[in-house]
């Protein structure tokens, strides 16, 4: 369970406006980050953060706010960094979605579908097609049933195997995040 306190988007926006912004680490995929992100944030995808947390820890000695789409991946990042001994961690309440809902500024890039929408499209399409094919091919509907079971498990476990698979597609990856580049940026800004 995450032990990091959450930070409300309005409170973070105020800190940014006052010039007291903490380090903002956005743990979404590079593709998601390019679509919209908080100005001044650093993109460190969750897998990269987990793999290089000890290296990152050496460059994150002040307050850090973790950002993702809704807060879930940021909580996972918090657990990874807290496990590496990094203090002063907070999670942006509601993630980038909450930030935008609060009317705070975002830097925008090329528009793309977020991961949740992609999962809904793929899962819904598989269920629809297998349901229709099941009219002529006995048992085909069971594929849709398996997808439904997977979605149920995803909701109960708060994880999503389909989302993980979709995040590996070139469309979602965007440019690869190099931890050396992130560390160089962290060094140069403070």
Protein backbone atom coordinates (compact mmCIF):
# COMPACT_ATOMS: atom_id res chain seq x y z
CA UNK A 1 0.00 0.00 0.00
CA UNK A 2 1.25 3.51 -0.82
CA UNK A 3 2.32 5.55 2.17
CA UNK A 4 3.00 8.80 0.31
CA UNK A 5 0.69 11.69 0.98
CA UNK A 6 -1.24 12.98 -1.98
CA UNK A 7 -0.97 16.54 -3.20
CA UNK A 8 -4.05 18.25 -4.59
CA UNK A 9 -3.68 19.69 -8.10
CA UNK A 10 -4.64 23.18 -6.87
CA UNK A 11 -1.93 23.05 -4.18
CA UNK A 12 0.70 21.94 -6.70
CA UNK A 13 -0.41 24.63 -9.14
CA UNK A 14 0.03 27.23 -6.40
CA UNK A 15 3.55 25.96 -5.63
CA UNK A 16 4.43 26.15 -9.34
CA UNK A 17 3.05 29.70 -9.61
CA UNK A 18 5.04 30.77 -6.54
CA UNK A 19 8.25 29.35 -8.00
CA UNK A 20 8.44 26.65 -5.32
CA UNK A 21 7.66 23.69 -7.56
CA UNK A 22 8.96 20.33 -6.36
CA UNK A 23 10.55 17.90 -8.78
CA UNK A 24 7.78 16.46 -10.94
CA UNK A 25 8.39 12.94 -12.20
CA UNK A 26 5.80 11.77 -14.74
CA UNK A 27 5.84 7.97 -14.79
CA UNK A 28 3.60 7.48 -17.84
CA UNK A 29 4.84 6.14 -21.15
CA UNK A 30 6.76 8.54 -23.41
CA UNK A 31 3.80 8.53 -25.82
CA UNK A 32 1.39 9.57 -23.06
CA UNK A 33 3.85 12.19 -21.81
CA UNK A 34 4.22 13.71 -25.27
CA UNK A 35 0.44 14.05 -25.60
CA UNK A 36 0.10 16.22 -22.47
CA UNK A 37 2.28 16.87 -19.46
CA UNK A 38 2.83 19.40 -16.70
CA UNK A 39 5.38 22.03 -17.78
CA UNK A 40 8.73 21.36 -16.13
CA UNK A 41 8.02 17.69 -15.41
CA UNK A 42 10.46 14.91 -16.23
CA UNK A 43 9.35 11.77 -18.02
CA UNK A 44 10.62 8.68 -16.21
CA UNK A 45 8.38 5.77 -17.25
CA UNK A 46 7.48 3.44 -14.40
CA UNK A 47 9.57 0.53 -15.73
CA UNK A 48 12.61 2.81 -16.17
CA UNK A 49 12.11 4.23 -12.70
CA UNK A 50 11.92 0.77 -11.15
CA UNK A 51 15.03 -0.40 -12.99
CA UNK A 52 17.12 2.70 -12.23
CA UNK A 53 15.71 3.86 -8.91
CA UNK A 54 19.09 3.77 -7.13
CA UNK A 55 20.66 5.97 -9.84
CA UNK A 56 17.70 8.36 -9.75
CA UNK A 57 17.70 8.52 -5.96
CA UNK A 58 21.12 10.16 -6.00
CA UNK A 59 19.65 13.09 -7.97
CA UNK A 60 16.35 13.47 -6.11
CA UNK A 61 17.31 14.89 -2.74
CA UNK A 62 14.47 17.39 -2.48
CA UNK A 63 10.69 17.02 -2.52
CA UNK A 64 9.35 14.90 -5.40
CA UNK A 65 5.80 14.69 -6.74
CA UNK A 66 4.95 11.65 -8.85
CA UNK A 67 2.49 12.02 -11.70
CA UNK A 68 0.65 9.57 -13.96
CA UNK A 69 -2.74 9.56 -15.65
CA UNK A 70 -4.90 8.98 -12.58
CA UNK A 71 -2.54 8.26 -9.66
CA UNK A 72 -2.21 4.47 -9.73
CA UNK A 73 1.16 4.19 -11.50
CA UNK A 74 2.45 7.10 -9.41
CA UNK A 75 1.62 5.09 -6.26
CA UNK A 76 3.60 2.15 -7.67
CA UNK A 77 6.51 4.52 -8.40
CA UNK A 78 6.28 5.84 -4.86
CA UNK A 79 6.61 2.33 -3.46
CA UNK A 80 9.66 1.70 -5.66
CA UNK A 81 11.41 4.96 -4.70
CA UNK A 82 10.49 4.64 -1.02
CA UNK A 83 11.99 1.15 -1.14
CA UNK A 84 15.20 2.75 -2.41
CA UNK A 85 15.18 5.06 0.61
CA UNK A 86 13.95 8.27 -1.02
CA UNK A 87 12.07 10.51 1.42
CA UNK A 88 9.79 13.45 0.62
CA UNK A 89 7.59 11.70 -1.93
CA UNK A 90 4.06 12.75 -2.79
CA UNK A 91 1.60 11.60 -5.44
CA UNK A 92 -0.44 14.10 -7.47
CA UNK A 93 -4.05 13.42 -6.52
CA UNK A 94 -5.95 12.41 -9.66
CA UNK A 95 -2.81 12.55 -11.81
CA UNK A 96 -2.67 14.56 -15.01
CA UNK A 97 -6.44 14.09 -15.33
CA UNK A 98 -6.97 15.91 -12.01
CA UNK A 99 -4.40 18.55 -12.97
CA UNK A 100 -6.23 19.33 -16.20
CA UNK A 101 -9.62 19.27 -14.45
CA UNK A 102 -8.31 21.92 -12.05
CA UNK A 103 -7.59 24.16 -15.05
CA UNK A 104 -3.82 24.02 -14.57
CA UNK A 105 -1.60 24.42 -17.64
CA UNK A 106 -0.29 21.51 -19.70
CA UNK A 107 2.15 21.29 -22.57
CA UNK A 108 0.51 19.48 -25.46
CA UNK A 109 2.00 17.38 -28.22
CA UNK A 110 0.42 15.17 -30.85
CA UNK A 111 -2.98 13.90 -29.76
CA UNK A 112 -3.29 10.16 -29.11
CA UNK A 113 -5.65 7.88 -27.27
CA UNK A 114 -4.82 7.20 -23.65
CA UNK A 115 -4.17 3.62 -22.55
CA UNK A 116 -7.56 3.13 -20.88
CA UNK A 117 -9.37 4.06 -24.09
CA UNK A 118 -7.18 1.70 -26.11
CA UNK A 119 -7.93 -1.15 -23.70
CA UNK A 120 -11.67 -0.49 -24.01
CA UNK A 121 -11.41 -0.49 -27.83
CA UNK A 122 -9.44 -3.73 -28.05
CA UNK A 123 -11.44 -5.58 -25.39
CA UNK A 124 -14.77 -4.37 -26.76
CA UNK A 125 -13.81 -5.26 -30.33
CA UNK A 126 -12.74 -8.78 -29.35
CA UNK A 127 -15.98 -9.34 -27.43
CA UNK A 128 -18.07 -7.97 -30.31
CA UNK A 129 -16.32 -9.99 -33.02
CA UNK A 130 -16.26 -13.25 -31.06
CA UNK A 131 -19.92 -12.77 -30.14
CA UNK A 132 -20.84 -12.37 -33.80
CA UNK A 133 -18.58 -15.20 -34.94
CA UNK A 134 -20.05 -17.34 -32.15
CA UNK A 135 -23.36 -17.34 -34.03
CA UNK A 136 -21.75 -19.48 -36.73
CA UNK A 137 -18.83 -21.05 -34.87
CA UNK A 138 -19.81 -22.80 -31.63
CA UNK A 139 -17.56 -21.87 -28.73
CA UNK A 140 -16.09 -18.69 -30.28
CA UNK A 141 -17.98 -16.63 -27.72
CA UNK A 142 -15.74 -18.12 -25.02
CA UNK A 143 -12.91 -15.85 -26.20
CA UNK A 144 -15.09 -12.88 -25.28
CA UNK A 145 -15.82 -14.54 -21.96
CA UNK A 146 -12.07 -14.85 -21.33
CA UNK A 147 -11.62 -11.14 -22.10
CA UNK A 148 -14.41 -10.33 -19.63
CA UNK A 149 -12.70 -12.47 -17.01
CA UNK A 150 -9.42 -10.67 -17.67
CA UNK A 151 -11.08 -7.27 -17.28
CA UNK A 152 -12.71 -8.39 -14.05
CA UNK A 153 -9.35 -9.53 -12.71
CA UNK A 154 -7.77 -6.25 -13.87
CA UNK A 155 -10.34 -4.30 -11.87
CA UNK A 156 -9.96 -6.44 -8.75
CA UNK A 157 -6.15 -6.47 -8.83
CA UNK A 158 -5.83 -2.89 -10.10
CA UNK A 159 -3.51 -4.09 -12.85
CA UNK A 160 -4.08 -4.61 -16.54
CA UNK A 161 -2.17 -7.13 -18.63
CA UNK A 162 -3.83 -5.85 -21.81
CA UNK A 163 -2.70 -2.30 -20.98
CA UNK A 164 0.85 -3.53 -20.41
CA UNK A 165 0.82 -5.31 -23.79
CA UNK A 166 -0.61 -2.27 -25.57
CA UNK A 167 2.01 -0.01 -23.96
CA UNK A 168 4.70 -1.99 -25.81
CA UNK A 169 3.32 -1.02 -29.23
CA UNK A 170 5.41 1.57 -31.13
CA UNK A 171 2.41 3.93 -31.15
CA UNK A 172 2.48 4.09 -27.36
CA UNK A 173 6.19 4.01 -26.74
CA UNK A 174 7.20 7.23 -28.44
CA UNK A 175 10.87 8.10 -28.15
CA UNK A 176 12.69 5.89 -25.67
CA UNK A 177 13.45 7.54 -22.35
CA UNK A 178 17.13 7.25 -21.57
CA UNK A 179 17.89 7.37 -17.85
CA UNK A 180 21.23 9.14 -18.52
CA UNK A 181 19.38 11.96 -20.27
CA UNK A 182 16.92 12.26 -17.39
CA UNK A 183 19.75 12.37 -14.85
CA UNK A 184 21.55 15.03 -16.90
CA UNK A 185 18.36 17.11 -16.96
CA UNK A 186 17.90 16.65 -13.21
CA UNK A 187 21.48 17.83 -12.60
CA UNK A 188 21.20 20.86 -14.87
CA UNK A 189 17.99 22.30 -13.43
CA UNK A 190 18.88 22.61 -9.75
